[in-house]
Amino acid sequence: MSEPIKELTKAEDQVMQILWKLKNAFVKDIVELFNDPKPAYNTVSTIIRILEKKGFVSYKSYGNTYEYYPLITKSEYSDAYLGNFVNKYFGNSYKSLVSFFAANDNVSVNELEEMKVFLDQEIQKKQINGNNH
């Protein structure tokens, strides 16, 4: 996508989470996967049409029935959303983001150790691939 990816509202995110899981679905299929109390069919249909206008979904037409599918992967959205989040709240610095988590009292020593192991592995991969960004 050439334009920046727009942020999803909570309702849009809920619909997209289900659509990413199903890969393609009719509105009734999406409604069925919501937890109780389930939203109205018309509510989900409206959200899907908004997602279509935003460029997140498209559809195949079967007469008067439409089967929807995502145009953007969950990974693509996550990458864009995280990038926007880091830019907005951490001055576009992933180092600041990691420092925030490291200093947060809600993060256990065990979780910090797991993050360190993961980061060490990623550093090794990037060094092997010659990616120093």
N, C-alpha and C. Protein backbone atom coordinates (compact mmCIF):
# COMPACT_ATOMS: atom_id res chain seq x y z
N MET A 1 0.84 -1.19 0.00
CA MET A 1 0.00 0.00 0.00
C MET A 1 0.88 1.24 0.00
N SER A 2 0.58 2.15 -0.87
CA SER A 2 1.40 3.35 -0.96
C SER A 2 1.04 4.38 0.10
N GLU A 3 -0.23 4.46 0.48
CA GLU A 3 -0.64 5.39 1.53
C GLU A 3 -0.34 4.77 2.88
N PRO A 4 -0.14 5.62 3.91
CA PRO A 4 0.06 5.05 5.24
C PRO A 4 -1.20 4.29 5.67
N ILE A 5 -0.99 3.21 6.39
CA ILE A 5 -2.11 2.39 6.86
C ILE A 5 -2.82 3.13 7.98
N LYS A 6 -4.13 3.25 7.86
CA LYS A 6 -4.92 3.92 8.87
C LYS A 6 -5.08 3.02 10.10
N GLU A 7 -5.22 3.64 11.25
CA GLU A 7 -5.43 2.90 12.48
C GLU A 7 -6.89 2.44 12.56
N LEU A 8 -7.08 1.23 13.02
CA LEU A 8 -8.42 0.68 13.17
C LEU A 8 -9.07 1.14 14.47
N THR A 9 -10.37 1.36 14.43
CA THR A 9 -11.11 1.60 15.66
C THR A 9 -11.25 0.26 16.38
N LYS A 10 -11.72 0.28 17.61
CA LYS A 10 -11.89 -0.96 18.36
C LYS A 10 -12.84 -1.91 17.64
N ALA A 11 -13.96 -1.41 17.16
CA ALA A 11 -14.93 -2.25 16.46
C ALA A 11 -14.35 -2.80 15.16
N GLU A 12 -13.64 -1.96 14.42
CA GLU A 12 -13.01 -2.41 13.18
C GLU A 12 -11.96 -3.48 13.46
N ASP A 13 -11.20 -3.27 14.52
CA ASP A 13 -10.17 -4.24 14.90
C ASP A 13 -10.80 -5.59 15.23
N GLN A 14 -11.92 -5.58 15.95
CA GLN A 14 -12.58 -6.84 16.30
C GLN A 14 -13.02 -7.59 15.05
N VAL A 15 -13.57 -6.88 14.08
CA VAL A 15 -13.99 -7.51 12.83
C VAL A 15 -12.77 -8.03 12.06
N MET A 16 -11.72 -7.23 11.98
CA MET A 16 -10.52 -7.66 11.25
C MET A 16 -9.87 -8.87 11.91
N GLN A 17 -9.84 -8.92 13.25
CA GLN A 17 -9.26 -10.09 13.93
C GLN A 17 -9.97 -11.36 13.48
N ILE A 18 -11.29 -11.30 13.39
CA ILE A 18 -12.08 -12.46 12.96
C ILE A 18 -11.82 -12.75 11.48
N LEU A 19 -11.80 -11.73 10.65
CA LEU A 19 -11.58 -11.93 9.22
C LEU A 19 -10.18 -12.48 8.95
N TRP A 20 -9.17 -12.02 9.69
CA TRP A 20 -7.83 -12.58 9.53
C TRP A 20 -7.83 -14.06 9.90
N LYS A 21 -8.59 -14.40 10.91
CA LYS A 21 -8.66 -15.80 11.35
C LYS A 21 -9.37 -16.66 10.30
N LEU A 22 -10.48 -16.17 9.76
CA LEU A 22 -11.27 -16.95 8.80
C LEU A 22 -10.70 -16.90 7.37
N LYS A 23 -9.93 -15.89 7.05
CA LYS A 23 -9.34 -15.64 5.73
C LYS A 23 -10.36 -15.07 4.73
N ASN A 24 -11.57 -15.60 4.70
CA ASN A 24 -12.67 -15.02 3.93
C ASN A 24 -13.96 -15.45 4.60
N ALA A 25 -14.96 -14.58 4.54
CA ALA A 25 -16.19 -14.87 5.27
C ALA A 25 -17.34 -13.99 4.81
N PHE A 26 -18.53 -14.50 5.03
CA PHE A 26 -19.73 -13.72 4.87
C PHE A 26 -19.99 -13.01 6.19
N VAL A 27 -20.79 -11.95 6.18
CA VAL A 27 -21.06 -11.19 7.41
C VAL A 27 -21.59 -12.11 8.50
N LYS A 28 -22.47 -13.04 8.15
CA LYS A 28 -23.05 -13.95 9.15
C LYS A 28 -21.96 -14.78 9.84
N ASP A 29 -20.91 -15.18 9.09
CA ASP A 29 -19.80 -15.94 9.66
C ASP A 29 -19.04 -15.11 10.69
N ILE A 30 -18.86 -13.83 10.37
CA ILE A 30 -18.15 -12.92 11.28
C ILE A 30 -18.96 -12.73 12.56
N VAL A 31 -20.27 -12.49 12.41
CA VAL A 31 -21.14 -12.30 13.58
C VAL A 31 -21.08 -13.52 14.49
N GLU A 32 -21.08 -14.72 13.90
CA GLU A 32 -21.07 -15.97 14.68
C GLU A 32 -19.84 -16.08 15.57
N LEU A 33 -18.71 -15.53 15.15
CA LEU A 33 -17.48 -15.67 15.94
C LEU A 33 -17.32 -14.63 17.04
N PHE A 34 -18.20 -13.64 17.08
CA PHE A 34 -18.16 -12.67 18.17
C PHE A 34 -18.62 -13.35 19.46
N ASN A 35 -18.05 -12.90 20.58
CA ASN A 35 -18.52 -13.36 21.88
C ASN A 35 -19.90 -12.77 22.16
N ASP A 36 -20.66 -13.41 23.04
CA ASP A 36 -21.96 -12.86 23.45
C ASP A 36 -21.75 -11.66 24.35
N PRO A 37 -22.55 -10.64 24.28
CA PRO A 37 -23.65 -10.47 23.32
C PRO A 37 -23.10 -10.10 21.95
N LYS A 38 -23.55 -10.84 20.94
CA LYS A 38 -23.09 -10.63 19.57
C LYS A 38 -23.66 -9.32 19.01
N PRO A 39 -22.87 -8.62 18.20
CA PRO A 39 -23.39 -7.41 17.58
C PRO A 39 -24.45 -7.77 16.53
N ALA A 40 -25.27 -6.81 16.17
CA ALA A 40 -26.28 -7.02 15.16
C ALA A 40 -25.62 -7.22 13.79
N TYR A 41 -26.26 -8.01 12.95
CA TYR A 41 -25.79 -8.26 11.59
C TYR A 41 -25.53 -6.94 10.87
N ASN A 42 -26.48 -6.00 10.97
CA ASN A 42 -26.35 -4.71 10.28
C ASN A 42 -25.15 -3.91 10.79
N THR A 43 -24.85 -4.03 12.06
CA THR A 43 -23.69 -3.33 12.64
C THR A 43 -22.40 -3.86 12.01
N VAL A 44 -22.26 -5.17 11.94
CA VAL A 44 -21.07 -5.78 11.36
C VAL A 44 -20.99 -5.46 9.86
N SER A 45 -22.13 -5.48 9.19
CA SER A 45 -22.17 -5.15 7.77
C SER A 45 -21.69 -3.72 7.54
N THR A 46 -22.10 -2.79 8.37
CA THR A 46 -21.67 -1.40 8.27
C THR A 46 -20.16 -1.28 8.49
N ILE A 47 -19.64 -1.98 9.51
CA ILE A 47 -18.20 -1.94 9.80
C ILE A 47 -17.41 -2.50 8.62
N ILE A 48 -17.90 -3.58 8.03
CA ILE A 48 -17.23 -4.18 6.87
C ILE A 48 -17.16 -3.18 5.71
N ARG A 49 -18.25 -2.45 5.48
CA ARG A 49 -18.27 -1.47 4.39
C ARG A 49 -17.28 -0.34 4.67
N ILE A 50 -17.15 0.06 5.93
CA ILE A 50 -16.15 1.08 6.31
C ILE A 50 -14.74 0.54 6.06
N LEU A 51 -14.51 -0.71 6.44
CA LEU A 51 -13.20 -1.33 6.22
C LEU A 51 -12.88 -1.44 4.74
N GLU A 52 -13.90 -1.65 3.94
CA GLU A 52 -13.71 -1.70 2.48
C GLU A 52 -13.29 -0.32 1.97
N LYS A 53 -13.96 0.74 2.44
CA LYS A 53 -13.61 2.10 2.01
C LYS A 53 -12.20 2.48 2.46
N LYS A 54 -11.78 1.98 3.61
CA LYS A 54 -10.44 2.26 4.13
C LYS A 54 -9.36 1.43 3.43
N GLY A 55 -9.78 0.46 2.61
CA GLY A 55 -8.81 -0.36 1.89
C GLY A 55 -8.32 -1.58 2.64
N PHE A 56 -9.03 -1.99 3.69
CA PHE A 56 -8.63 -3.16 4.46
C PHE A 56 -9.22 -4.45 3.93
N VAL A 57 -10.41 -4.38 3.33
CA VAL A 57 -11.08 -5.58 2.83
C VAL A 57 -11.63 -5.35 1.43
N SER A 58 -11.85 -6.46 0.76
CA SER A 58 -12.56 -6.45 -0.51
C SER A 58 -13.53 -7.62 -0.48
N TYR A 59 -14.20 -7.87 -1.59
CA TYR A 59 -15.21 -8.92 -1.58
C TYR A 59 -15.36 -9.57 -2.95
N LYS A 60 -15.94 -10.78 -2.89
CA LYS A 60 -16.40 -11.47 -4.09
C LYS A 60 -17.92 -11.46 -4.01
N SER A 61 -18.55 -11.16 -5.12
CA SER A 61 -20.00 -11.06 -5.16
C SER A 61 -20.60 -12.36 -5.67
N TYR A 62 -21.61 -12.82 -4.97
CA TYR A 62 -22.41 -13.98 -5.39
C TYR A 62 -23.86 -13.50 -5.43
N GLY A 63 -24.24 -12.85 -6.50
CA GLY A 63 -25.58 -12.26 -6.57
C GLY A 63 -25.67 -11.12 -5.59
N ASN A 64 -26.60 -11.22 -4.64
CA ASN A 64 -26.77 -10.19 -3.61
C ASN A 64 -25.97 -10.47 -2.35
N THR A 65 -25.16 -11.52 -2.36
CA THR A 65 -24.38 -11.91 -1.19
C THR A 65 -22.91 -11.62 -1.46
N TYR A 66 -22.21 -11.19 -0.41
CA TYR A 66 -20.81 -10.81 -0.56
C TYR A 66 -19.95 -11.60 0.42
N GLU A 67 -18.86 -12.15 -0.12
CA GLU A 67 -17.87 -12.83 0.71
C GLU A 67 -16.66 -11.91 0.80
N TYR A 68 -16.31 -11.55 2.04
CA TYR A 68 -15.25 -10.57 2.28
C TYR A 68 -13.93 -11.26 2.59
N TYR A 69 -12.83 -10.57 2.24
CA TYR A 69 -11.50 -11.08 2.54
C TYR A 69 -10.56 -9.89 2.78
N PRO A 70 -9.54 -10.09 3.63
CA PRO A 70 -8.61 -8.99 3.94
C PRO A 70 -7.71 -8.66 2.76
N LEU A 71 -7.42 -7.38 2.60
CA LEU A 71 -6.45 -6.92 1.60
C LEU A 71 -5.09 -6.66 2.23
N ILE A 72 -5.05 -6.65 3.55
CA ILE A 72 -3.82 -6.41 4.29
C ILE A 72 -3.69 -7.53 5.32
N THR A 73 -2.47 -8.03 5.48
CA THR A 73 -2.28 -9.12 6.45
C THR A 73 -2.22 -8.55 7.87
N LYS A 74 -2.43 -9.43 8.80
CA LYS A 74 -2.33 -9.03 10.21
C LYS A 74 -0.92 -8.53 10.51
N SER A 75 0.07 -9.18 9.94
CA SER A 75 1.46 -8.79 10.15
C SER A 75 1.74 -7.39 9.59
N GLU A 76 1.23 -7.10 8.39
CA GLU A 76 1.41 -5.78 7.80
C GLU A 76 0.79 -4.69 8.68
N TYR A 77 -0.42 -4.99 9.18
CA TYR A 77 -1.09 -4.01 10.04
C TYR A 77 -0.32 -3.84 11.35
N SER A 78 0.12 -4.96 11.94
CA SER A 78 0.87 -4.89 13.21
C SER A 78 2.13 -4.06 13.06
N ASP A 79 2.87 -4.28 11.96
CA ASP A 79 4.09 -3.52 11.71
C ASP A 79 3.81 -2.03 11.60
N ALA A 80 2.78 -1.67 10.84
CA ALA A 80 2.43 -0.26 10.65
C ALA A 80 1.93 0.36 11.96
N TYR A 81 1.08 -0.39 12.68
CA TYR A 81 0.52 0.11 13.93
C TYR A 81 1.63 0.33 14.96
N LEU A 82 2.53 -0.64 15.08
CA LEU A 82 3.63 -0.51 16.04
C LEU A 82 4.52 0.66 15.67
N GLY A 83 4.81 0.81 14.38
CA GLY A 83 5.62 1.94 13.93
C GLY A 83 4.98 3.27 14.29
N ASN A 84 3.68 3.39 14.06
CA ASN A 84 2.95 4.63 14.42
C ASN A 84 2.97 4.84 15.93
N PHE A 85 2.79 3.76 16.69
CA PHE A 85 2.78 3.83 18.15
C PHE A 85 4.14 4.31 18.68
N VAL A 86 5.20 3.71 18.16
CA VAL A 86 6.56 4.09 18.60
C VAL A 86 6.84 5.54 18.23
N ASN A 87 6.43 5.95 17.07
CA ASN A 87 6.62 7.33 16.63
C ASN A 87 5.86 8.29 17.54
N LYS A 88 4.62 7.97 17.83
CA LYS A 88 3.73 8.85 18.60
C LYS A 88 4.13 8.95 20.08
N TYR A 89 4.46 7.82 20.69
CA TYR A 89 4.68 7.80 22.14
C TYR A 89 6.14 7.70 22.57
N PHE A 90 7.03 7.31 21.65
CA PHE A 90 8.43 7.11 22.04
C PHE A 90 9.40 7.84 21.11
N GLY A 91 8.93 8.92 20.48
CA GLY A 91 9.80 9.74 19.64
C GLY A 91 10.49 8.96 18.54
N ASN A 92 9.78 7.95 17.99
CA ASN A 92 10.29 7.10 16.92
C ASN A 92 11.56 6.34 17.33
N SER A 93 11.67 6.05 18.62
CA SER A 93 12.84 5.34 19.14
C SER A 93 12.43 4.01 19.76
N TYR A 94 12.83 2.91 19.09
CA TYR A 94 12.55 1.58 19.65
C TYR A 94 13.36 1.37 20.93
N LYS A 95 14.51 2.03 21.03
CA LYS A 95 15.31 1.95 22.25
C LYS A 95 14.51 2.50 23.43
N SER A 96 13.82 3.60 23.22
CA SER A 96 12.98 4.18 24.28
C SER A 96 11.84 3.24 24.65
N LEU A 97 11.28 2.56 23.65
CA LEU A 97 10.21 1.60 23.91
C LEU A 97 10.72 0.45 24.78
N VAL A 98 11.87 -0.09 24.42
CA VAL A 98 12.45 -1.20 25.19
C VAL A 98 12.82 -0.73 26.59
N SER A 99 13.36 0.47 26.71
CA SER A 99 13.70 1.02 28.03
C SER A 99 12.46 1.16 28.90
N PHE A 100 11.36 1.58 28.29
CA PHE A 100 10.10 1.71 29.01
C PHE A 100 9.69 0.36 29.60
N PHE A 101 9.74 -0.69 28.78
CA PHE A 101 9.36 -2.02 29.28
C PHE A 101 10.33 -2.52 30.34
N ALA A 102 11.61 -2.28 30.15
CA ALA A 102 12.61 -2.74 31.11
C ALA A 102 12.42 -2.08 32.47
N ALA A 103 12.00 -0.82 32.48
CA ALA A 103 11.83 -0.08 33.74
C ALA A 103 10.44 -0.29 34.35
N ASN A 104 9.54 -0.92 33.62
CA ASN A 104 8.17 -1.09 34.09
C ASN A 104 8.10 -2.15 35.18
N ASP A 105 7.47 -1.81 36.29
CA ASP A 105 7.35 -2.73 37.42
C ASP A 105 6.50 -3.96 37.10
N ASN A 106 5.66 -3.88 36.07
CA ASN A 106 4.79 -5.00 35.72
C ASN A 106 5.52 -6.09 34.93
N VAL A 107 6.75 -5.82 34.49
CA VAL A 107 7.53 -6.79 33.74
C VAL A 107 8.44 -7.53 34.71
N SER A 108 8.29 -8.86 34.75
CA SER A 108 9.07 -9.66 35.69
C SER A 108 10.50 -9.83 35.21
N VAL A 109 11.37 -10.24 36.13
CA VAL A 109 12.77 -10.52 35.80
C VAL A 109 12.81 -11.64 34.75
N ASN A 110 11.96 -12.65 34.90
CA ASN A 110 11.92 -13.75 33.95
C ASN A 110 11.57 -13.25 32.54
N GLU A 111 10.59 -12.36 32.44
CA GLU A 111 10.21 -11.80 31.14
C GLU A 111 11.35 -10.98 30.54
N LEU A 112 12.05 -10.21 31.40
CA LEU A 112 13.19 -9.44 30.91
C LEU A 112 14.29 -10.36 30.39
N GLU A 113 14.52 -11.47 31.10
CA GLU A 113 15.53 -12.43 30.65
C GLU A 113 15.14 -13.06 29.31
N GLU A 114 13.84 -13.36 29.15
CA GLU A 114 13.36 -13.91 27.89
C GLU A 114 13.53 -12.90 26.76
N MET A 115 13.26 -11.63 27.04
CA MET A 115 13.46 -10.57 26.04
C MET A 115 14.92 -10.47 25.66
N LYS A 116 15.81 -10.58 26.65
CA LYS A 116 17.25 -10.47 26.40
C LYS A 116 17.71 -11.60 25.48
N VAL A 117 17.26 -12.82 25.76
CA VAL A 117 17.63 -13.96 24.92
C VAL A 117 17.14 -13.73 23.49
N PHE A 118 15.88 -13.29 23.36
CA PHE A 118 15.32 -13.01 22.04
C PHE A 118 16.12 -11.94 21.32
N LEU A 119 16.43 -10.84 22.02
CA LEU A 119 17.19 -9.75 21.41
C LEU A 119 18.58 -10.21 20.99
N ASP A 120 19.24 -11.01 21.83
CA ASP A 120 20.55 -11.55 21.47
C ASP A 120 20.47 -12.39 20.19
N GLN A 121 19.42 -13.20 20.05
CA GLN A 121 19.23 -14.02 18.85
C GLN A 121 19.01 -13.13 17.62
N GLU A 122 18.22 -12.09 17.77
CA GLU A 122 17.95 -11.18 16.65
C GLU A 122 19.21 -10.42 16.24
N ILE A 123 20.02 -10.03 17.23
CA ILE A 123 21.29 -9.35 16.93
C ILE A 123 22.18 -10.27 16.10
N GLN A 124 22.27 -11.54 16.51
CA GLN A 124 23.10 -12.51 15.77
C GLN A 124 22.60 -12.68 14.34
N LYS A 125 21.29 -12.78 14.15
CA LYS A 125 20.72 -12.93 12.80
C LYS A 125 21.07 -11.73 11.93
N LYS A 126 20.93 -10.54 12.49
CA LYS A 126 21.20 -9.33 11.71
C LYS A 126 22.69 -9.20 11.40
N GLN A 127 23.56 -9.62 12.31
CA GLN A 127 24.99 -9.57 12.06
C GLN A 127 25.37 -10.56 10.94
N ILE A 128 24.75 -11.73 10.96
CA ILE A 128 25.03 -12.75 9.93
C ILE A 128 24.54 -12.24 8.56
N ASN A 129 23.39 -11.60 8.55
CA ASN A 129 22.81 -11.11 7.29
C ASN A 129 23.38 -9.75 6.86
N GLY A 130 24.24 -9.17 7.66
CA GLY A 130 24.83 -7.89 7.32
C GLY A 130 23.87 -6.71 7.42
N ASN A 131 22.82 -6.86 8.21
CA ASN A 131 21.82 -5.79 8.38
C ASN A 131 22.11 -5.08 9.69
N ASN A 132 22.70 -3.91 9.61
CA ASN A 132 23.07 -3.15 10.82
C ASN A 132 22.11 -2.04 11.13
N HIS A 133 20.89 -2.05 10.57
CA HIS A 133 19.91 -0.98 10.82
C HIS A 133 19.35 -1.11 12.21
